[in-house]
Amino acid sequence: MNSKQQKTLEAIFSNPTNGNLPWSLIENLFVAGGCRIIEGQGSSITVEKDGVRAYFHRPHPQKEALRYRVRDAREFLTKIGVKP
């Protein structure tokens, strides 16, 4: 994991929840953590690692993840054992 991904991880786990985080950085962090991104219909994706799955919708038209998406990403990362 590089320093940019480490900063993204710290931002995801910060309190209060950051609602101004670009979604592309979160997806990049998932891939760096060994997750597989499965494209769904439209803006939906499934993120999977070792049988643990999470379902997300990419934000549009804006690029920033809202707080609830960041909290969901934090919950998924916790489930797969990734913490700052």
PDB file of N, CA and C in Angstrom:
ATOM      1  N   MET A   1       0.849  -1.174   0.000  1.00  0.00           N
ATOM      2  CA  MET A   1       0.000   0.000   0.000  1.00  0.00           C
ATOM      3  C   MET A   1       0.898   1.241   0.000  1.00  0.00           C
ATOM      4  N   ASN A   2       0.656   2.141  -0.941  1.00  0.00           N
ATOM      5  CA  ASN A   2       1.482   3.337  -1.013  1.00  0.00           C
ATOM      6  C   ASN A   2       0.966   4.423  -0.061  1.00  0.00           C
ATOM      7  N   SER A   3       1.666   5.540   0.002  1.00  0.00           N
ATOM      8  CA  SER A   3       1.325   6.590   0.971  1.00  0.00           C
ATOM      9  C   SER A   3      -0.022   7.238   0.661  1.00  0.00           C
ATOM     10  N   LYS A   4      -0.364   7.367  -0.603  1.00  0.00           N
ATOM     11  CA  LYS A   4      -1.667   7.950  -0.959  1.00  0.00           C
ATOM     12  C   LYS A   4      -2.809   7.042  -0.506  1.00  0.00           C
ATOM     13  N   GLN A   5      -2.631   5.744  -0.678  1.00  0.00           N
ATOM     14  CA  GLN A   5      -3.645   4.792  -0.236  1.00  0.00           C
ATOM     15  C   GLN A   5      -3.726   4.758   1.283  1.00  0.00           C
ATOM     16  N   GLN A   6      -2.602   4.922   1.956  1.00  0.00           N
ATOM     17  CA  GLN A   6      -2.601   4.973   3.418  1.00  0.00           C
ATOM     18  C   GLN A   6      -3.368   6.202   3.902  1.00  0.00           C
ATOM     19  N   LYS A   7      -3.189   7.340   3.237  1.00  0.00           N
ATOM     20  CA  LYS A   7      -3.931   8.553   3.600  1.00  0.00           C
ATOM     21  C   LYS A   7      -5.425   8.372   3.361  1.00  0.00           C
ATOM     22  N   THR A   8      -5.782   7.689   2.277  1.00  0.00           N
ATOM     23  CA  THR A   8      -7.191   7.411   1.997  1.00  0.00           C
ATOM     24  C   THR A   8      -7.778   6.528   3.089  1.00  0.00           C
ATOM     25  N   LEU A   9      -7.031   5.521   3.506  1.00  0.00           N
ATOM     26  CA  LEU A   9      -7.480   4.632   4.570  1.00  0.00           C
ATOM     27  C   LEU A   9      -7.707   5.402   5.871  1.00  0.00           C
ATOM     28  N   GLU A  10      -6.783   6.276   6.197  1.00  0.00           N
ATOM     29  CA  GLU A  10      -6.930   7.089   7.409  1.00  0.00           C
ATOM     30  C   GLU A  10      -8.136   8.012   7.302  1.00  0.00           C
ATOM     31  N   ALA A  11      -8.399   8.559   6.110  1.00  0.00           N
ATOM     32  CA  ALA A  11      -9.554   9.431   5.910  1.00  0.00           C
ATOM     33  C   ALA A  11     -10.863   8.654   6.063  1.00  0.00           C
ATOM     34  N   ILE A  12     -10.888   7.412   5.607  1.00  0.00           N
ATOM     35  CA  ILE A  12     -12.099   6.591   5.736  1.00  0.00           C
ATOM     36  C   ILE A  12     -12.404   6.301   7.199  1.00  0.00           C
ATOM     37  N   PHE A  13     -11.367   6.089   7.991  1.00  0.00           N
ATOM     38  CA  PHE A  13     -11.564   5.736   9.398  1.00  0.00           C
ATOM     39  C   PHE A  13     -11.585   6.960  10.320  1.00  0.00           C
ATOM     40  N   SER A  14     -11.522   8.167   9.765  1.00  0.00           N
ATOM     41  CA  SER A  14     -11.527   9.366  10.611  1.00  0.00           C
ATOM     42  C   SER A  14     -12.929   9.657  11.137  1.00  0.00           C
ATOM     43  N   ASN A  15     -12.963  10.335  12.276  1.00  0.00           N
ATOM     44  CA  ASN A  15     -14.227  10.793  12.855  1.00  0.00           C
ATOM     45  C   ASN A  15     -14.141  12.284  13.044  1.00  0.00           C
ATOM     46  N   PRO A  16     -15.125  13.061  12.626  1.00  0.00           N
ATOM     47  CA  PRO A  16     -16.360  12.637  11.960  1.00  0.00           C
ATOM     48  C   PRO A  16     -16.073  12.132  10.542  1.00  0.00           C
ATOM     49  N   THR A  17     -17.027  11.392  10.000  1.00  0.00           N
ATOM     50  CA  THR A  17     -16.865  10.783   8.688  1.00  0.00           C
ATOM     51  C   THR A  17     -16.685  11.847   7.614  1.00  0.00           C
ATOM     52  N   ASN A  18     -15.677  11.653   6.772  1.00  0.00           N
ATOM     53  CA  ASN A  18     -15.365  12.576   5.683  1.00  0.00           C
ATOM     54  C   ASN A  18     -16.365  12.370   4.548  1.00  0.00           C
ATOM     55  N   GLY A  19     -17.090  13.408   4.170  1.00  0.00           N
ATOM     56  CA  GLY A  19     -18.044  13.320   3.072  1.00  0.00           C
ATOM     57  C   GLY A  19     -17.544  13.972   1.805  1.00  0.00           C
ATOM     58  N   ASN A  20     -16.255  14.196   1.701  1.00  0.00           N
ATOM     59  CA  ASN A  20     -15.680  14.884   0.549  1.00  0.00           C
ATOM     60  C   ASN A  20     -14.511  14.090  -0.035  1.00  0.00           C
ATOM     61  N   LEU A  21     -14.618  12.787   0.004  1.00  0.00           N
ATOM     62  CA  LEU A  21     -13.545  11.900  -0.434  1.00  0.00           C
ATOM     63  C   LEU A  21     -13.857  11.382  -1.840  1.00  0.00           C
ATOM     64  N   PRO A  22     -12.973  11.571  -2.814  1.00  0.00           N
ATOM     65  CA  PRO A  22     -13.245  11.062  -4.162  1.00  0.00           C
ATOM     66  C   PRO A  22     -13.417   9.538  -4.162  1.00  0.00           C
ATOM     67  N   TRP A  23     -14.486   9.083  -4.793  1.00  0.00           N
ATOM     68  CA  TRP A  23     -14.793   7.654  -4.818  1.00  0.00           C
ATOM     69  C   TRP A  23     -13.683   6.854  -5.493  1.00  0.00           C
ATOM     70  N   SER A  24     -13.026   7.437  -6.481  1.00  0.00           N
ATOM     71  CA  SER A  24     -11.959   6.715  -7.191  1.00  0.00           C
ATOM     72  C   SER A  24     -10.825   6.320  -6.241  1.00  0.00           C
ATOM     73  N   LEU A  25     -10.548   7.144  -5.231  1.00  0.00           N
ATOM     74  CA  LEU A  25      -9.511   6.800  -4.249  1.00  0.00           C
ATOM     75  C   LEU A  25      -9.936   5.598  -3.407  1.00  0.00           C
ATOM     76  N   ILE A  26     -11.224   5.525  -3.085  1.00  0.00           N
ATOM     77  CA  ILE A  26     -11.728   4.397  -2.298  1.00  0.00           C
ATOM     78  C   ILE A  26     -11.642   3.111  -3.109  1.00  0.00           C
ATOM     79  N   GLU A  27     -12.049   3.167  -4.375  1.00  0.00           N
ATOM     80  CA  GLU A  27     -11.945   1.977  -5.230  1.00  0.00           C
ATOM     81  C   GLU A  27     -10.495   1.546  -5.388  1.00  0.00           C
ATOM     82  N   ASN A  28      -9.597   2.499  -5.549  1.00  0.00           N
ATOM     83  CA  ASN A  28      -8.172   2.207  -5.663  1.00  0.00           C
ATOM     84  C   ASN A  28      -7.668   1.501  -4.401  1.00  0.00           C
ATOM     85  N   LEU A  29      -8.144   1.934  -3.252  1.00  0.00           N
ATOM     86  CA  LEU A  29      -7.767   1.300  -1.991  1.00  0.00           C
ATOM     87  C   LEU A  29      -8.276  -0.139  -1.921  1.00  0.00           C
ATOM     88  N   PHE A  30      -9.509  -0.371  -2.372  1.00  0.00           N
ATOM     89  CA  PHE A  30     -10.045  -1.739  -2.410  1.00  0.00           C
ATOM     90  C   PHE A  30      -9.140  -2.648  -3.244  1.00  0.00           C
ATOM     91  N   VAL A  31      -8.752  -2.188  -4.420  1.00  0.00           N
ATOM     92  CA  VAL A  31      -7.904  -2.985  -5.314  1.00  0.00           C
ATOM     93  C   VAL A  31      -6.540  -3.228  -4.676  1.00  0.00           C
ATOM     94  N   ALA A  32      -5.980  -2.204  -4.041  1.00  0.00           N
ATOM     95  CA  ALA A  32      -4.673  -2.351  -3.379  1.00  0.00           C
ATOM     96  C   ALA A  32      -4.751  -3.348  -2.224  1.00  0.00           C
ATOM     97  N   GLY A  33      -5.925  -3.452  -1.616  1.00  0.00           N
ATOM     98  CA  GLY A  33      -6.116  -4.398  -0.515  1.00  0.00           C
ATOM     99  C   GLY A  33      -6.408  -5.815  -0.981  1.00  0.00           C
ATOM    100  N   GLY A  34      -6.377  -6.054  -2.289  1.00  0.00           N
ATOM    101  CA  GLY A  34      -6.579  -7.395  -2.822  1.00  0.00           C
ATOM    102  C   GLY A  34      -8.011  -7.714  -3.172  1.00  0.00           C
ATOM    103  N   CYS A  35      -8.862  -6.708  -3.236  1.00  0.00           N
ATOM    104  CA  CYS A  35     -10.265  -6.926  -3.567  1.00  0.00           C
ATOM    105  C   CYS A  35     -10.463  -6.980  -5.075  1.00  0.00           C
ATOM    106  N   ARG A  36     -11.537  -7.612  -5.446  1.00  0.00           N
ATOM    107  CA  ARG A  36     -11.922  -7.693  -6.850  1.00  0.00           C
ATOM    108  C   ARG A  36     -13.152  -6.815  -7.045  1.00  0.00           C
ATOM    109  N   ILE A  37     -13.151  -5.984  -8.080  1.00  0.00           N
ATOM    110  CA  ILE A  37     -14.280  -5.119  -8.408  1.00  0.00           C
ATOM    111  C   ILE A  37     -15.070  -5.798  -9.525  1.00  0.00           C
ATOM    112  N   ILE A  38     -16.337  -6.060  -9.277  1.00  0.00           N
ATOM    113  CA  ILE A  38     -17.207  -6.688 -10.266  1.00  0.00           C
ATOM    114  C   ILE A  38     -18.229  -5.649 -10.699  1.00  0.00           C
ATOM    115  N   GLU A  39     -18.207  -5.321 -11.979  1.00  0.00           N
ATOM    116  CA  GLU A  39     -19.121  -4.320 -12.522  1.00  0.00           C
ATOM    117  C   GLU A  39     -20.534  -4.882 -12.582  1.00  0.00           C
ATOM    118  N   GLY A  40     -21.494  -4.080 -12.151  1.00  0.00           N
ATOM    119  CA  GLY A  40     -22.897  -4.441 -12.260  1.00  0.00           C
ATOM    120  C   GLY A  40     -23.549  -3.587 -13.327  1.00  0.00           C
ATOM    121  N   GLN A  41     -24.868  -3.462 -13.244  1.00  0.00           N
ATOM    122  CA  GLN A  41     -25.575  -2.621 -14.195  1.00  0.00           C
ATOM    123  C   GLN A  41     -25.526  -1.175 -13.735  1.00  0.00           C
ATOM    124  N   GLY A  42     -25.368  -0.279 -14.683  1.00  0.00           N
ATOM    125  CA  GLY A  42     -25.333   1.141 -14.359  1.00  0.00           C
ATOM    126  C   GLY A  42     -24.130   1.475 -13.508  1.00  0.00           C
ATOM    127  N   SER A  43     -24.399   2.096 -12.364  1.00  0.00           N
ATOM    128  CA  SER A  43     -23.303   2.532 -11.499  1.00  0.00           C
ATOM    129  C   SER A  43     -23.022   1.555 -10.361  1.00  0.00           C
ATOM    130  N   SER A  44     -23.666   0.407 -10.357  1.00  0.00           N
ATOM    131  CA  SER A  44     -23.474  -0.535  -9.249  1.00  0.00           C
ATOM    132  C   SER A  44     -22.222  -1.387  -9.449  1.00  0.00           C
ATOM    133  N   ILE A  45     -21.549  -1.649  -8.333  1.00  0.00           N
ATOM    134  CA  ILE A  45     -20.391  -2.540  -8.332  1.00  0.00           C
ATOM    135  C   ILE A  45     -20.473  -3.449  -7.120  1.00  0.00           C
ATOM    136  N   THR A  46     -19.829  -4.589  -7.227  1.00  0.00           N
ATOM    137  CA  THR A  46     -19.664  -5.500  -6.107  1.00  0.00           C
ATOM    138  C   THR A  46     -18.171  -5.571  -5.826  1.00  0.00           C
ATOM    139  N   VAL A  47     -17.810  -5.427  -4.562  1.00  0.00           N
ATOM    140  CA  VAL A  47     -16.417  -5.539  -4.144  1.00  0.00           C
ATOM    141  C   VAL A  47     -16.315  -6.836  -3.354  1.00  0.00           C
ATOM    142  N   GLU A  48     -15.374  -7.694  -3.729  1.00  0.00           N
ATOM    143  CA  GLU A  48     -15.293  -9.023  -3.123  1.00  0.00           C
ATOM    144  C   GLU A  48     -13.862  -9.352  -2.746  1.00  0.00           C
ATOM    145  N   LYS A  49     -13.724  -9.932  -1.570  1.00  0.00           N
ATOM    146  CA  LYS A  49     -12.435 -10.472  -1.149  1.00  0.00           C
ATOM    147  C   LYS A  49     -12.685 -11.656  -0.232  1.00  0.00           C
ATOM    148  N   ASP A  50     -12.102 -12.788  -0.579  1.00  0.00           N
ATOM    149  CA  ASP A  50     -12.188 -14.011   0.233  1.00  0.00           C
ATOM    150  C   ASP A  50     -13.622 -14.359   0.605  1.00  0.00           C
ATOM    151  N   GLY A  51     -14.542 -14.194  -0.337  1.00  0.00           N
ATOM    152  CA  GLY A  51     -15.933 -14.552  -0.103  1.00  0.00           C
ATOM    153  C   GLY A  51     -16.767 -13.492   0.603  1.00  0.00           C
ATOM    154  N   VAL A  52     -16.153 -12.427   1.066  1.00  0.00           N
ATOM    155  CA  VAL A  52     -16.878 -11.323   1.693  1.00  0.00           C
ATOM    156  C   VAL A  52     -17.203 -10.317   0.601  1.00  0.00           C
ATOM    157  N   ARG A  53     -18.491  -9.960   0.496  1.00  0.00           N
ATOM    158  CA  ARG A  53     -18.925  -9.057  -0.566  1.00  0.00           C
ATOM    159  C   ARG A  53     -19.605  -7.826   0.003  1.00  0.00           C
ATOM    160  N   ALA A  54     -19.453  -6.734  -0.725  1.00  0.00           N
ATOM    161  CA  ALA A  54     -20.170  -5.495  -0.413  1.00  0.00           C
ATOM    162  C   ALA A  54     -20.652  -4.915  -1.732  1.00  0.00           C
ATOM    163  N   TYR A  55     -21.810  -4.287  -1.680  1.00  0.00           N
ATOM    164  CA  TYR A  55     -22.422  -3.712  -2.872  1.00  0.00           C
ATOM    165  C   TYR A  55     -22.440  -2.197  -2.731  1.00  0.00           C
ATOM    166  N   PHE A  56     -22.003  -1.520  -3.772  1.00  0.00           N
ATOM    167  CA  PHE A  56     -21.938  -0.064  -3.775  1.00  0.00           C
ATOM    168  C   PHE A  56     -22.493   0.470  -5.087  1.00  0.00           C
ATOM    169  N   HIS A  57     -22.894   1.730  -5.051  1.00  0.00           N
ATOM    170  CA  HIS A  57     -23.219   2.478  -6.262  1.00  0.00           C
ATOM    171  C   HIS A  57     -22.220   3.618  -6.355  1.00  0.00           C
ATOM    172  N   ARG A  58     -21.592   3.721  -7.506  1.00  0.00           N
ATOM    173  CA  ARG A  58     -20.660   4.830  -7.711  1.00  0.00           C
ATOM    174  C   ARG A  58     -21.441   6.138  -7.709  1.00  0.00           C
ATOM    175  N   PRO A  59     -20.881   7.160  -7.080  1.00  0.00           N
ATOM    176  CA  PRO A  59     -21.579   8.443  -7.069  1.00  0.00           C
ATOM    177  C   PRO A  59     -21.608   9.068  -8.459  1.00  0.00           C
ATOM    178  N   HIS A  60     -22.720   9.702  -8.771  1.00  0.00           N
ATOM    179  CA  HIS A  60     -22.828  10.425 -10.031  1.00  0.00           C
ATOM    180  C   HIS A  60     -23.896  11.491  -9.877  1.00  0.00           C
ATOM    181  N   PRO A  61     -23.836  12.621 -10.463  1.00  0.00           N
ATOM    182  CA  PRO A  61     -22.780  13.064 -11.363  1.00  0.00           C
ATOM    183  C   PRO A  61     -21.532  13.531 -10.626  1.00  0.00           C
ATOM    184  N   GLN A  62     -21.616  13.790  -9.323  1.00  0.00           N
ATOM    185  CA  GLN A  62     -20.427  14.214  -8.580  1.00  0.00           C
ATOM    186  C   GLN A  62     -19.476  13.036  -8.412  1.00  0.00           C
ATOM    187  N   LYS A  63     -18.242  13.326  -8.047  1.00  0.00           N
ATOM    188  CA  LYS A  63     -17.226  12.279  -7.914  1.00  0.00           C
ATOM    189  C   LYS A  63     -16.944  11.929  -6.462  1.00  0.00           C
ATOM    190  N   GLU A  64     -17.434  12.737  -5.529  1.00  0.00           N
ATOM    191  CA  GLU A  64     -17.140  12.527  -4.115  1.00  0.00           C
ATOM    192  C   GLU A  64     -18.134  11.538  -3.507  1.00  0.00           C
ATOM    193  N   ALA A  65     -17.617  10.718  -2.622  1.00  0.00           N
ATOM    194  CA  ALA A  65     -18.453   9.758  -1.897  1.00  0.00           C
ATOM    195  C   ALA A  65     -19.124  10.479  -0.735  1.00  0.00           C
ATOM    196  N   LEU A  66     -20.412  10.303  -0.609  1.00  0.00           N
ATOM    197  CA  LEU A  66     -21.131  10.877   0.522  1.00  0.00           C
ATOM    198  C   LEU A  66     -20.799  10.098   1.790  1.00  0.00           C
ATOM    199  N   ARG A  67     -21.148  10.664   2.927  1.00  0.00           N
ATOM    200  CA  ARG A  67     -20.768  10.068   4.216  1.00  0.00           C
ATOM    201  C   ARG A  67     -21.236   8.614   4.358  1.00  0.00           C
ATOM    202  N   TYR A  68     -22.450   8.314   3.897  1.00  0.00           N
ATOM    203  CA  TYR A  68     -22.941   6.944   4.068  1.00  0.00           C
ATOM    204  C   TYR A  68     -22.122   5.958   3.241  1.00  0.00           C
ATOM    205  N   ARG A  69     -21.630   6.382   2.076  1.00  0.00           N
ATOM    206  CA  ARG A  69     -20.777   5.493   1.275  1.00  0.00           C
ATOM    207  C   ARG A  69     -19.429   5.270   1.962  1.00  0.00           C
ATOM    208  N   VAL A  70     -18.891   6.322   2.565  1.00  0.00           N
ATOM    209  CA  VAL A  70     -17.620   6.192   3.281  1.00  0.00           C
ATOM    210  C   VAL A  70     -17.797   5.270   4.489  1.00  0.00           C
ATOM    211  N   ARG A  71     -18.907   5.414   5.205  1.00  0.00           N
ATOM    212  CA  ARG A  71     -19.173   4.517   6.353  1.00  0.00           C
ATOM    213  C   ARG A  71     -19.323   3.064   5.889  1.00  0.00           C
ATOM    214  N   ASP A  72     -20.004   2.846   4.756  1.00  0.00           N
ATOM    215  CA  ASP A  72     -20.140   1.489   4.219  1.00  0.00           C
ATOM    216  C   ASP A  72     -18.777   0.919   3.813  1.00  0.00           C
ATOM    217  N   ALA A  73     -17.922   1.756   3.224  1.00  0.00           N
ATOM    218  CA  ALA A  73     -16.574   1.315   2.853  1.00  0.00           C
ATOM    219  C   ALA A  73     -15.780   0.948   4.103  1.00  0.00           C
ATOM    220  N   ARG A  74     -15.914   1.756   5.159  1.00  0.00           N
ATOM    221  CA  ARG A  74     -15.231   1.473   6.433  1.00  0.00           C
ATOM    222  C   ARG A  74     -15.694   0.130   7.001  1.00  0.00           C
ATOM    223  N   GLU A  75     -16.992  -0.118   6.964  1.00  0.00           N
ATOM    224  CA  GLU A  75     -17.531  -1.379   7.476  1.00  0.00           C
ATOM    225  C   GLU A  75     -16.991  -2.567   6.686  1.00  0.00           C
ATOM    226  N   PHE A  76     -16.941  -2.444   5.357  1.00  0.00           N
ATOM    227  CA  PHE A  76     -16.409  -3.525   4.527  1.00  0.00           C
ATOM    228  C   PHE A  76     -14.934  -3.764   4.812  1.00  0.00           C
ATOM    229  N   LEU A  77     -14.148  -2.692   4.884  1.00  0.00           N
ATOM    230  CA  LEU A  77     -12.711  -2.834   5.165  1.00  0.00           C
ATOM    231  C   LEU A  77     -12.486  -3.496   6.518  1.00  0.00           C
ATOM    232  N   THR A  78     -13.311  -3.162   7.496  1.00  0.00           N
ATOM    233  CA  THR A  78     -13.199  -3.797   8.816  1.00  0.00           C
ATOM    234  C   THR A  78     -13.477  -5.292   8.723  1.00  0.00           C
ATOM    235  N   LYS A  79     -14.505  -5.672   7.946  1.00  0.00           N
ATOM    236  CA  LYS A  79     -14.860  -7.079   7.783  1.00  0.00           C
ATOM    237  C   LYS A  79     -13.734  -7.899   7.165  1.00  0.00           C
ATOM    238  N   ILE A  80     -12.971  -7.276   6.245  1.00  0.00           N
ATOM    239  CA  ILE A  80     -11.904  -8.030   5.587  1.00  0.00           C
ATOM    240  C   ILE A  80     -10.558  -7.865   6.316  1.00  0.00           C
ATOM    241  N   GLY A  81     -10.582  -7.159   7.448  1.00  0.00           N
ATOM    242  CA  GLY A  81      -9.384  -7.066   8.287  1.00  0.00           C
ATOM    243  C   GLY A  81      -8.419  -5.952   7.924  1.00  0.00           C
ATOM    244  N   VAL A  82      -8.891  -4.926   7.223  1.00  0.00           N
ATOM    245  CA  VAL A  82      -8.035  -3.798   6.864  1.00  0.00           C
ATOM    246  C   VAL A  82      -8.352  -2.633   7.799  1.00  0.00           C
ATOM    247  N   LYS A  83      -7.335  -2.173   8.527  1.00  0.00           N
ATOM    248  CA  LYS A  83      -7.488  -1.043   9.439  1.00  0.00           C
ATOM    249  C   LYS A  83      -6.249  -0.181   9.335  1.00  0.00           C
ATOM    250  N   PRO A  84      -6.384   1.130   9.678  1.00  0.00           N
ATOM    251  CA  PRO A  84      -5.195   2.004   9.588  1.00  0.00           C
ATOM    252  C   PRO A  84      -4.144   1.665  10.617  1.00  0.00           C
TER     253      PRO A  84
END
